[in-house]
Amino acid sequence: MSIETKLARAMSNLDEFGVLVLEDPEINTTRIKRVGRGWRISRSYHEFDDDATWVVSHRADVEDEIRSWLKCQEQLDSF
């Protein structure tokens, strides 16, 4: 399945449920939640205490974040 297909599915789930969790022990856990007119993105790394949370107001920013995560996962899967 292509990254764009996975992205479309993830965005559909986010639209339907209001929250999306992307989790991989080798990458991180990224949680995206709809908040008002924007989205809150929270990222936590499994091996570090370096967590980050920010809010974006553009759908393209959410898509870029998910696409980036999916690309990382695809690269790990190819090893």
C-alpha atoms as a PDB file:
ATOM      1  CA  MET A   1       0.000   0.000   0.000  1.00  0.00           C
ATOM      2  CA  SER A   2       1.436   3.394  -0.959  1.00  0.00           C
ATOM      3  CA  ILE A   3       2.165   6.173   1.503  1.00  0.00           C
ATOM      4  CA  GLU A   4      -0.509   8.337  -0.107  1.00  0.00           C
ATOM      5  CA  THR A   5      -3.094   5.566   0.348  1.00  0.00           C
ATOM      6  CA  LYS A   6      -2.079   5.149   3.996  1.00  0.00           C
ATOM      7  CA  LEU A   7      -2.219   8.922   4.424  1.00  0.00           C
ATOM      8  CA  ALA A   8      -5.730   9.074   2.967  1.00  0.00           C
ATOM      9  CA  ARG A   9      -6.855   6.308   5.334  1.00  0.00           C
ATOM     10  CA  ALA A  10      -5.260   8.026   8.335  1.00  0.00           C
ATOM     11  CA  MET A  11      -6.885  11.369   7.481  1.00  0.00           C
ATOM     12  CA  SER A  12     -10.239   9.654   7.042  1.00  0.00           C
ATOM     13  CA  ASN A  13      -9.902   8.055  10.489  1.00  0.00           C
ATOM     14  CA  LEU A  14      -8.880  11.394  11.975  1.00  0.00           C
ATOM     15  CA  ASP A  15     -11.906  13.086  10.408  1.00  0.00           C
ATOM     16  CA  GLU A  16     -14.240  10.353  11.615  1.00  0.00           C
ATOM     17  CA  PHE A  17     -12.949   9.828  15.156  1.00  0.00           C
ATOM     18  CA  GLY A  18     -11.232  13.143  15.924  1.00  0.00           C
ATOM     19  CA  VAL A  19      -8.028  11.437  17.034  1.00  0.00           C
ATOM     20  CA  LEU A  20      -5.247   9.453  15.392  1.00  0.00           C
ATOM     21  CA  VAL A  21      -2.409   7.604  17.105  1.00  0.00           C
ATOM     22  CA  LEU A  22       0.666   6.515  15.138  1.00  0.00           C
ATOM     23  CA  GLU A  23       2.873   4.255  17.217  1.00  0.00           C
ATOM     24  CA  ASP A  24       6.087   2.403  16.483  1.00  0.00           C
ATOM     25  CA  PRO A  25       8.670   1.579  19.167  1.00  0.00           C
ATOM     26  CA  GLU A  26      11.525   2.363  16.763  1.00  0.00           C
ATOM     27  CA  ILE A  27      10.154   5.766  15.719  1.00  0.00           C
ATOM     28  CA  ASN A  28       7.919   7.387  18.311  1.00  0.00           C
ATOM     29  CA  THR A  29       4.294   7.769  19.273  1.00  0.00           C
ATOM     30  CA  THR A  30       2.520  10.614  17.534  1.00  0.00           C
ATOM     31  CA  ARG A  31      -0.980  11.511  18.657  1.00  0.00           C
ATOM     32  CA  ILE A  32      -3.068  13.934  16.619  1.00  0.00           C
ATOM     33  CA  LYS A  33      -6.303  15.251  18.053  1.00  0.00           C
ATOM     34  CA  ARG A  34      -8.830  17.673  16.617  1.00  0.00           C
ATOM     35  CA  VAL A  35      -9.112  20.741  18.880  1.00  0.00           C
ATOM     36  CA  GLY A  36     -11.497  23.480  17.832  1.00  0.00           C
ATOM     37  CA  ARG A  37     -10.495  24.649  14.367  1.00  0.00           C
ATOM     38  CA  GLY A  38      -7.040  23.066  14.526  1.00  0.00           C
ATOM     39  CA  TRP A  39      -5.169  19.953  15.562  1.00  0.00           C
ATOM     40  CA  ARG A  40      -2.953  19.247  18.550  1.00  0.00           C
ATOM     41  CA  ILE A  41       0.049  17.093  17.706  1.00  0.00           C
ATOM     42  CA  SER A  42       1.850  15.341  20.549  1.00  0.00           C
ATOM     43  CA  ARG A  43       5.002  13.379  20.003  1.00  0.00           C
ATOM     44  CA  SER A  44       6.758  11.186  22.544  1.00  0.00           C
ATOM     45  CA  TYR A  45       9.933   9.239  22.028  1.00  0.00           C
ATOM     46  CA  HIS A  46      10.175   5.845  23.669  1.00  0.00           C
ATOM     47  CA  GLU A  47      13.846   5.972  24.619  1.00  0.00           C
ATOM     48  CA  PHE A  48      14.063   9.639  25.595  1.00  0.00           C
ATOM     49  CA  ASP A  49      12.241  12.071  27.839  1.00  0.00           C
ATOM     50  CA  ASP A  50      11.941  14.464  24.912  1.00  0.00           C
ATOM     51  CA  ASP A  51       8.217  14.983  24.371  1.00  0.00           C
ATOM     52  CA  ALA A  52       6.730  17.763  22.283  1.00  0.00           C
ATOM     53  CA  THR A  53       3.229  19.145  21.767  1.00  0.00           C
ATOM     54  CA  TRP A  54       2.098  21.862  19.389  1.00  0.00           C
ATOM     55  CA  VAL A  55      -1.053  23.053  17.632  1.00  0.00           C
ATOM     56  CA  VAL A  56      -1.426  23.557  13.887  1.00  0.00           C
ATOM     57  CA  SER A  57      -4.290  25.203  12.066  1.00  0.00           C
ATOM     58  CA  HIS A  58      -3.691  23.960   8.528  1.00  0.00           C
ATOM     59  CA  ARG A  59      -4.737  20.523   7.332  1.00  0.00           C
ATOM     60  CA  ALA A  60      -1.632  20.391   5.112  1.00  0.00           C
ATOM     61  CA  ASP A  61       0.559  20.568   8.240  1.00  0.00           C
ATOM     62  CA  VAL A  62      -1.234  17.538   9.677  1.00  0.00           C
ATOM     63  CA  GLU A  63      -0.854  15.671   6.384  1.00  0.00           C
ATOM     64  CA  ASP A  64       2.870  16.512   6.286  1.00  0.00           C
ATOM     65  CA  GLU A  65       3.336  15.195   9.825  1.00  0.00           C
ATOM     66  CA  ILE A  66       1.550  11.915   9.046  1.00  0.00           C
ATOM     67  CA  ARG A  67       3.352  11.527   5.701  1.00  0.00           C
ATOM     68  CA  SER A  68       6.716  12.037   7.414  1.00  0.00           C
ATOM     69  CA  TRP A  69       5.912   9.419  10.054  1.00  0.00           C
ATOM     70  CA  LEU A  70       4.771   6.935   7.389  1.00  0.00           C
ATOM     71  CA  LYS A  71       7.965   7.481   5.389  1.00  0.00           C
ATOM     72  CA  CYS A  72      10.062   6.729   8.463  1.00  0.00           C
ATOM     73  CA  GLN A  73       8.087   3.563   9.079  1.00  0.00           C
ATOM     74  CA  GLU A  74       8.470   2.497   5.447  1.00  0.00           C
ATOM     75  CA  GLN A  75      12.243   3.015   5.625  1.00  0.00           C
ATOM     76  CA  LEU A  76      12.484   0.915   8.781  1.00  0.00           C
ATOM     77  CA  ASP A  77      10.392  -1.828   7.195  1.00  0.00           C
ATOM     78  CA  SER A  78      12.744  -1.958   4.209  1.00  0.00           C
ATOM     79  CA  PHE A  79      15.760  -2.934   6.379  1.00  0.00           C
END
